[in-house]
Amino acid sequence: MYADTPIDSAADSEYVELAAEVFSLLSDPTRIRIVLALEAGELPVNELAERVGKAPAAVSQHLAKLRWAKVVQTRQDGTRVYYSLIDEHALELVHQAVFQAEHVVDFWPRHHRPEVGDISAAGATGTAAVS
């Protein structure tokens, strides 16, 4: 996708260092779950905590780090604070990491499994294997 985009050699190390920080930030399972939960739209801390299976105080700590890294933003409505993704970039990274994990764990990763009735994915027998 960006293979043809030249990276200025003087700035190369700066971008590489920042990219490493992003990967470090997203290396926590709770933060990955938060990013995935926010894919559907903004949520308050308590609902995020419920969705990721962690205490609200712990989720707040993770959200503070994600805010610092400019991955999430807030919107206040009265006494409630709602969190949302700033853009799709962190979500794309998380999706790619999950896809890679599927390749490691599953013989046939979910994102490569044919849908029922998908003729193009049917095997030589004319039936598609679906799990």
N, C-alpha and C. Protein backbone atom coordinates (compact mmCIF):
# COMPACT_ATOMS: atom_id res chain seq x y z
N MET A 1 0.81 -1.17 0.00
CA MET A 1 0.00 0.00 0.00
C MET A 1 0.87 1.25 0.00
N TYR A 2 1.86 1.31 0.88
CA TYR A 2 2.73 2.47 0.95
C TYR A 2 4.13 2.13 0.47
N ALA A 3 4.31 0.99 -0.20
CA ALA A 3 5.63 0.54 -0.61
C ALA A 3 6.29 1.50 -1.57
N ASP A 4 5.51 2.21 -2.38
CA ASP A 4 6.07 3.12 -3.36
C ASP A 4 6.32 4.51 -2.79
N THR A 5 5.95 4.74 -1.54
CA THR A 5 6.12 6.04 -0.91
C THR A 5 7.52 6.14 -0.33
N PRO A 6 8.36 7.06 -0.86
CA PRO A 6 9.72 7.18 -0.31
C PRO A 6 9.69 7.83 1.07
N ILE A 7 10.52 7.33 1.95
CA ILE A 7 10.65 7.91 3.29
C ILE A 7 11.96 8.68 3.32
N ASP A 8 11.86 9.93 3.65
CA ASP A 8 13.03 10.79 3.73
C ASP A 8 14.03 10.16 4.70
N SER A 9 15.25 9.93 4.26
CA SER A 9 16.24 9.24 5.09
C SER A 9 16.56 9.98 6.38
N ALA A 10 16.51 11.32 6.35
CA ALA A 10 16.78 12.09 7.57
C ALA A 10 15.69 11.88 8.61
N ALA A 11 14.45 11.73 8.15
CA ALA A 11 13.32 11.54 9.08
C ALA A 11 13.06 10.07 9.33
N ASP A 12 13.70 9.20 8.58
CA ASP A 12 13.44 7.76 8.69
C ASP A 12 13.52 7.26 10.11
N SER A 13 14.59 7.60 10.84
CA SER A 13 14.74 7.09 12.20
C SER A 13 13.66 7.65 13.12
N GLU A 14 13.23 8.89 12.90
CA GLU A 14 12.17 9.47 13.71
C GLU A 14 10.87 8.69 13.52
N TYR A 15 10.53 8.38 12.28
CA TYR A 15 9.32 7.62 12.01
C TYR A 15 9.41 6.20 12.56
N VAL A 16 10.57 5.61 12.41
CA VAL A 16 10.77 4.25 12.92
C VAL A 16 10.63 4.22 14.43
N GLU A 17 11.20 5.20 15.10
CA GLU A 17 11.09 5.26 16.57
C GLU A 17 9.64 5.44 17.00
N LEU A 18 8.92 6.33 16.34
CA LEU A 18 7.51 6.55 16.68
C LEU A 18 6.67 5.31 16.36
N ALA A 19 6.97 4.64 15.26
CA ALA A 19 6.25 3.42 14.90
C ALA A 19 6.46 2.35 15.98
N ALA A 20 7.68 2.25 16.48
CA ALA A 20 7.96 1.30 17.55
C ALA A 20 7.16 1.63 18.80
N GLU A 21 7.01 2.92 19.10
CA GLU A 21 6.21 3.32 20.26
C GLU A 21 4.74 2.94 20.07
N VAL A 22 4.24 3.10 18.85
CA VAL A 22 2.84 2.72 18.58
C VAL A 22 2.66 1.22 18.79
N PHE A 23 3.58 0.43 18.27
CA PHE A 23 3.49 -1.02 18.46
C PHE A 23 3.59 -1.38 19.94
N SER A 24 4.45 -0.69 20.66
CA SER A 24 4.58 -0.94 22.10
C SER A 24 3.27 -0.62 22.82
N LEU A 25 2.68 0.51 22.48
CA LEU A 25 1.42 0.92 23.08
C LEU A 25 0.31 -0.10 22.80
N LEU A 26 0.28 -0.61 21.58
CA LEU A 26 -0.77 -1.55 21.19
C LEU A 26 -0.44 -2.99 21.54
N SER A 27 0.65 -3.22 22.25
CA SER A 27 1.03 -4.59 22.59
C SER A 27 0.28 -5.14 23.80
N ASP A 28 -0.56 -4.34 24.41
CA ASP A 28 -1.33 -4.76 25.58
C ASP A 28 -2.69 -5.32 25.15
N PRO A 29 -3.06 -6.53 25.59
CA PRO A 29 -4.34 -7.13 25.18
C PRO A 29 -5.56 -6.27 25.52
N THR A 30 -5.53 -5.58 26.66
CA THR A 30 -6.67 -4.73 27.02
C THR A 30 -6.80 -3.57 26.06
N ARG A 31 -5.68 -2.97 25.67
CA ARG A 31 -5.74 -1.86 24.72
C ARG A 31 -6.23 -2.32 23.36
N ILE A 32 -5.81 -3.51 22.95
CA ILE A 32 -6.31 -4.07 21.69
C ILE A 32 -7.82 -4.27 21.77
N ARG A 33 -8.30 -4.80 22.89
CA ARG A 33 -9.74 -4.99 23.05
C ARG A 33 -10.49 -3.65 23.06
N ILE A 34 -9.89 -2.63 23.66
CA ILE A 34 -10.51 -1.30 23.67
C ILE A 34 -10.63 -0.77 22.25
N VAL A 35 -9.56 -0.86 21.48
CA VAL A 35 -9.59 -0.38 20.10
C VAL A 35 -10.66 -1.13 19.31
N LEU A 36 -10.72 -2.44 19.46
CA LEU A 36 -11.74 -3.22 18.76
C LEU A 36 -13.15 -2.86 19.21
N ALA A 37 -13.33 -2.60 20.50
CA ALA A 37 -14.65 -2.22 21.01
C ALA A 37 -15.08 -0.87 20.45
N LEU A 38 -14.14 0.02 20.23
CA LEU A 38 -14.46 1.35 19.72
C LEU A 38 -14.67 1.37 18.21
N GLU A 39 -14.47 0.24 17.57
CA GLU A 39 -14.69 0.16 16.13
C GLU A 39 -16.13 0.53 15.77
N ALA A 40 -17.08 0.14 16.61
CA ALA A 40 -18.50 0.39 16.35
C ALA A 40 -18.91 1.83 16.65
N GLY A 41 -18.07 2.58 17.36
CA GLY A 41 -18.41 3.96 17.68
C GLY A 41 -18.04 4.30 19.11
N GLU A 42 -18.39 5.50 19.51
CA GLU A 42 -17.99 5.99 20.83
C GLU A 42 -18.72 5.25 21.95
N LEU A 43 -18.00 5.13 23.08
CA LEU A 43 -18.53 4.45 24.26
C LEU A 43 -18.03 5.13 25.53
N PRO A 44 -18.83 5.10 26.59
CA PRO A 44 -18.35 5.60 27.89
C PRO A 44 -17.47 4.54 28.56
N VAL A 45 -16.71 4.95 29.55
CA VAL A 45 -15.76 4.06 30.23
C VAL A 45 -16.44 2.81 30.78
N ASN A 46 -17.57 2.96 31.45
CA ASN A 46 -18.22 1.80 32.07
C ASN A 46 -18.62 0.75 31.03
N GLU A 47 -19.12 1.19 29.90
CA GLU A 47 -19.49 0.22 28.86
C GLU A 47 -18.25 -0.41 28.23
N LEU A 48 -17.21 0.39 28.03
CA LEU A 48 -15.95 -0.16 27.54
C LEU A 48 -15.41 -1.22 28.51
N ALA A 49 -15.45 -0.89 29.80
CA ALA A 49 -14.96 -1.82 30.82
C ALA A 49 -15.74 -3.14 30.76
N GLU A 50 -17.04 -3.04 30.59
CA GLU A 50 -17.87 -4.25 30.50
C GLU A 50 -17.51 -5.06 29.27
N ARG A 51 -17.32 -4.38 28.15
CA ARG A 51 -17.01 -5.08 26.90
C ARG A 51 -15.64 -5.75 26.91
N VAL A 52 -14.67 -5.15 27.58
CA VAL A 52 -13.32 -5.74 27.60
C VAL A 52 -13.08 -6.61 28.83
N GLY A 53 -14.04 -6.64 29.75
CA GLY A 53 -13.93 -7.52 30.91
C GLY A 53 -12.93 -7.05 31.95
N LYS A 54 -12.80 -5.76 32.10
CA LYS A 54 -11.87 -5.18 33.09
C LYS A 54 -12.61 -4.15 33.93
N ALA A 55 -12.01 -3.81 35.07
CA ALA A 55 -12.58 -2.79 35.95
C ALA A 55 -12.50 -1.41 35.28
N PRO A 56 -13.49 -0.56 35.51
CA PRO A 56 -13.47 0.78 34.92
C PRO A 56 -12.18 1.56 35.23
N ALA A 57 -11.65 1.43 36.45
CA ALA A 57 -10.41 2.15 36.79
C ALA A 57 -9.25 1.69 35.91
N ALA A 58 -9.16 0.39 35.66
CA ALA A 58 -8.09 -0.14 34.81
C ALA A 58 -8.26 0.34 33.37
N VAL A 59 -9.50 0.33 32.88
CA VAL A 59 -9.77 0.79 31.52
C VAL A 59 -9.45 2.27 31.40
N SER A 60 -9.74 3.05 32.43
CA SER A 60 -9.41 4.48 32.41
C SER A 60 -7.91 4.70 32.26
N GLN A 61 -7.11 3.89 32.94
CA GLN A 61 -5.65 4.00 32.83
C GLN A 61 -5.20 3.72 31.39
N HIS A 62 -5.78 2.68 30.79
CA HIS A 62 -5.42 2.35 29.40
C HIS A 62 -5.88 3.45 28.45
N LEU A 63 -7.06 3.98 28.69
CA LEU A 63 -7.57 5.06 27.84
C LEU A 63 -6.70 6.31 27.94
N ALA A 64 -6.16 6.58 29.12
CA ALA A 64 -5.26 7.73 29.28
C ALA A 64 -4.03 7.57 28.39
N LYS A 65 -3.49 6.37 28.32
CA LYS A 65 -2.32 6.12 27.46
C LYS A 65 -2.71 6.23 25.99
N LEU A 66 -3.88 5.72 25.64
CA LEU A 66 -4.33 5.81 24.25
C LEU A 66 -4.63 7.26 23.85
N ARG A 67 -5.09 8.06 24.81
CA ARG A 67 -5.30 9.50 24.54
C ARG A 67 -3.96 10.19 24.34
N TRP A 68 -3.00 9.89 25.20
CA TRP A 68 -1.67 10.49 25.10
C TRP A 68 -1.06 10.20 23.73
N ALA A 69 -1.30 8.99 23.21
CA ALA A 69 -0.74 8.59 21.92
C ALA A 69 -1.61 9.05 20.75
N LYS A 70 -2.67 9.77 21.04
CA LYS A 70 -3.59 10.28 20.02
C LYS A 70 -4.24 9.17 19.21
N VAL A 71 -4.61 8.10 19.92
CA VAL A 71 -5.35 6.99 19.30
C VAL A 71 -6.84 7.19 19.54
N VAL A 72 -7.19 7.69 20.75
CA VAL A 72 -8.59 7.94 21.08
C VAL A 72 -8.78 9.41 21.44
N GLN A 73 -10.02 9.84 21.34
CA GLN A 73 -10.40 11.20 21.74
C GLN A 73 -11.63 11.11 22.63
N THR A 74 -11.93 12.20 23.31
CA THR A 74 -13.08 12.22 24.21
C THR A 74 -14.10 13.25 23.77
N ARG A 75 -15.32 13.00 24.23
CA ARG A 75 -16.41 13.95 24.07
C ARG A 75 -17.21 13.89 25.36
N GLN A 76 -17.41 15.04 25.98
CA GLN A 76 -18.14 15.09 27.24
C GLN A 76 -19.59 15.47 26.99
N ASP A 77 -20.49 14.74 27.64
CA ASP A 77 -21.92 15.03 27.57
C ASP A 77 -22.43 15.03 29.01
N GLY A 78 -22.54 16.22 29.57
CA GLY A 78 -22.91 16.33 30.99
C GLY A 78 -21.77 15.80 31.84
N THR A 79 -22.07 14.80 32.66
CA THR A 79 -21.03 14.21 33.51
C THR A 79 -20.39 12.97 32.86
N ARG A 80 -20.91 12.56 31.72
CA ARG A 80 -20.38 11.38 31.04
C ARG A 80 -19.33 11.75 30.01
N VAL A 81 -18.28 10.94 29.94
CA VAL A 81 -17.23 11.12 28.95
C VAL A 81 -17.28 9.93 28.00
N TYR A 82 -17.33 10.23 26.72
CA TYR A 82 -17.38 9.20 25.68
C TYR A 82 -16.04 9.16 24.95
N TYR A 83 -15.59 7.96 24.64
CA TYR A 83 -14.33 7.76 23.94
C TYR A 83 -14.61 7.24 22.54
N SER A 84 -13.78 7.67 21.60
CA SER A 84 -13.87 7.18 20.23
C SER A 84 -12.47 7.16 19.62
N LEU A 85 -12.32 6.42 18.54
CA LEU A 85 -11.05 6.39 17.82
C LEU A 85 -10.89 7.70 17.06
N ILE A 86 -9.69 8.24 17.02
CA ILE A 86 -9.44 9.48 16.29
C ILE A 86 -9.51 9.22 14.79
N ASP A 87 -8.93 8.12 14.35
CA ASP A 87 -8.99 7.74 12.94
C ASP A 87 -8.88 6.22 12.85
N GLU A 88 -8.78 5.70 11.65
CA GLU A 88 -8.80 4.24 11.46
C GLU A 88 -7.42 3.59 11.53
N HIS A 89 -6.35 4.36 11.71
CA HIS A 89 -5.01 3.80 11.60
C HIS A 89 -4.69 2.76 12.67
N ALA A 90 -4.97 3.06 13.93
CA ALA A 90 -4.71 2.07 14.99
C ALA A 90 -5.59 0.85 14.81
N LEU A 91 -6.83 1.07 14.38
CA LEU A 91 -7.74 -0.05 14.13
C LEU A 91 -7.20 -0.94 13.02
N GLU A 92 -6.66 -0.35 11.97
CA GLU A 92 -6.07 -1.14 10.88
C GLU A 92 -4.89 -1.97 11.39
N LEU A 93 -4.05 -1.37 12.23
CA LEU A 93 -2.92 -2.12 12.80
C LEU A 93 -3.41 -3.29 13.64
N VAL A 94 -4.43 -3.04 14.45
CA VAL A 94 -4.98 -4.10 15.31
C VAL A 94 -5.59 -5.20 14.45
N HIS A 95 -6.33 -4.83 13.42
CA HIS A 95 -6.91 -5.85 12.54
C HIS A 95 -5.82 -6.69 11.89
N GLN A 96 -4.77 -6.05 11.41
CA GLN A 96 -3.69 -6.79 10.78
C GLN A 96 -3.00 -7.72 11.77
N ALA A 97 -2.82 -7.28 13.00
CA ALA A 97 -2.20 -8.12 14.03
C ALA A 97 -3.09 -9.33 14.34
N VAL A 98 -4.40 -9.10 14.41
CA VAL A 98 -5.33 -10.20 14.67
C VAL A 98 -5.32 -11.18 13.49
N PHE A 99 -5.30 -10.65 12.27
CA PHE A 99 -5.22 -11.53 11.09
C PHE A 99 -3.94 -12.36 11.13
N GLN A 100 -2.82 -11.75 11.50
CA GLN A 100 -1.56 -12.49 11.62
C GLN A 100 -1.67 -13.58 12.68
N ALA A 101 -2.30 -13.26 13.81
CA ALA A 101 -2.48 -14.25 14.88
C ALA A 101 -3.35 -15.41 14.39
N GLU A 102 -4.37 -15.11 13.59
CA GLU A 102 -5.20 -16.18 13.04
C GLU A 102 -4.37 -17.12 12.17
N HIS A 103 -3.42 -16.57 11.41
CA HIS A 103 -2.56 -17.40 10.57
C HIS A 103 -1.68 -18.31 11.42
N VAL A 104 -1.29 -17.84 12.57
CA VAL A 104 -0.46 -18.64 13.46
C VAL A 104 -1.27 -19.73 14.13
N VAL A 105 -2.50 -19.42 14.54
CA VAL A 105 -3.31 -20.33 15.34
C VAL A 105 -4.17 -21.27 14.49
N ASP A 106 -4.79 -20.75 13.45
CA ASP A 106 -5.77 -21.52 12.67
C ASP A 106 -5.18 -22.00 11.36
N PHE A 107 -5.58 -23.22 10.97
CA PHE A 107 -5.19 -23.74 9.66
C PHE A 107 -5.79 -22.90 8.57
N TRP A 108 -7.05 -22.48 8.76
CA TRP A 108 -7.74 -21.66 7.79
C TRP A 108 -8.29 -20.44 8.51
N PRO A 109 -7.55 -19.32 8.51
CA PRO A 109 -7.97 -18.12 9.25
C PRO A 109 -9.37 -17.66 8.84
N ARG A 110 -10.10 -17.11 9.80
CA ARG A 110 -11.47 -16.66 9.55
C ARG A 110 -11.59 -15.72 8.36
N HIS A 111 -10.63 -14.81 8.20
CA HIS A 111 -10.74 -13.85 7.11
C HIS A 111 -10.45 -14.47 5.75
N HIS A 112 -10.07 -15.76 5.70
CA HIS A 112 -9.86 -16.46 4.44
C HIS A 112 -10.89 -17.55 4.21
N ARG A 113 -11.77 -17.76 5.17
CA ARG A 113 -12.78 -18.80 5.03
C ARG A 113 -13.86 -18.35 4.06
N PRO A 114 -14.28 -19.27 3.18
CA PRO A 114 -15.34 -18.91 2.24
C PRO A 114 -16.68 -18.78 2.95
N GLU A 115 -17.48 -17.90 2.43
CA GLU A 115 -18.84 -17.73 2.95
C GLU A 115 -19.70 -18.83 2.35
N VAL A 116 -20.74 -19.22 3.05
CA VAL A 116 -21.67 -20.21 2.52
C VAL A 116 -22.25 -19.67 1.23
N GLY A 117 -22.22 -20.48 0.19
CA GLY A 117 -22.77 -20.06 -1.10
C GLY A 117 -21.79 -19.29 -1.97
N ASP A 118 -20.55 -19.13 -1.51
CA ASP A 118 -19.54 -18.41 -2.28
C ASP A 118 -18.98 -19.36 -3.33
N ILE A 119 -19.45 -19.24 -4.56
CA ILE A 119 -19.08 -20.15 -5.63
C ILE A 119 -17.60 -20.07 -5.93
N SER A 120 -17.01 -18.88 -5.86
CA SER A 120 -15.59 -18.73 -6.19
C SER A 120 -14.70 -19.46 -5.19
N ALA A 121 -15.20 -19.72 -3.97
CA ALA A 121 -14.41 -20.39 -2.96
C ALA A 121 -14.67 -21.89 -2.94
N ALA A 122 -15.58 -22.37 -3.78
CA ALA A 122 -15.92 -23.78 -3.79
C ALA A 122 -14.74 -24.58 -4.30
N GLY A 123 -14.56 -25.74 -3.73
CA GLY A 123 -13.48 -26.64 -4.14
C GLY A 123 -13.82 -27.38 -5.41
N ALA A 124 -13.00 -28.34 -5.78
CA ALA A 124 -13.18 -29.11 -7.01
C ALA A 124 -14.48 -29.89 -6.99
N THR A 125 -14.97 -30.23 -5.81
CA THR A 125 -16.21 -30.99 -5.71
C THR A 125 -17.43 -30.10 -5.83
N GLY A 126 -17.20 -28.78 -5.85
CA GLY A 126 -18.30 -27.85 -5.97
C GLY A 126 -18.90 -27.44 -4.65
N THR A 127 -18.27 -27.83 -3.54
CA THR A 127 -18.76 -27.44 -2.22
C THR A 127 -17.67 -26.69 -1.49
N ALA A 128 -18.08 -25.73 -0.73
CA ALA A 128 -17.12 -24.94 0.03
C ALA A 128 -17.07 -25.48 1.45
N ALA A 129 -15.86 -25.60 1.98
CA ALA A 129 -15.68 -26.04 3.35
C ALA A 129 -15.86 -24.85 4.27
N VAL A 130 -16.79 -24.95 5.17
CA VAL A 130 -17.05 -23.86 6.11
C VAL A 130 -16.96 -24.40 7.51
N SER A 131 -16.24 -23.69 8.37
CA SER A 131 -16.17 -24.14 9.75
C SER A 131 -16.84 -23.16 10.65
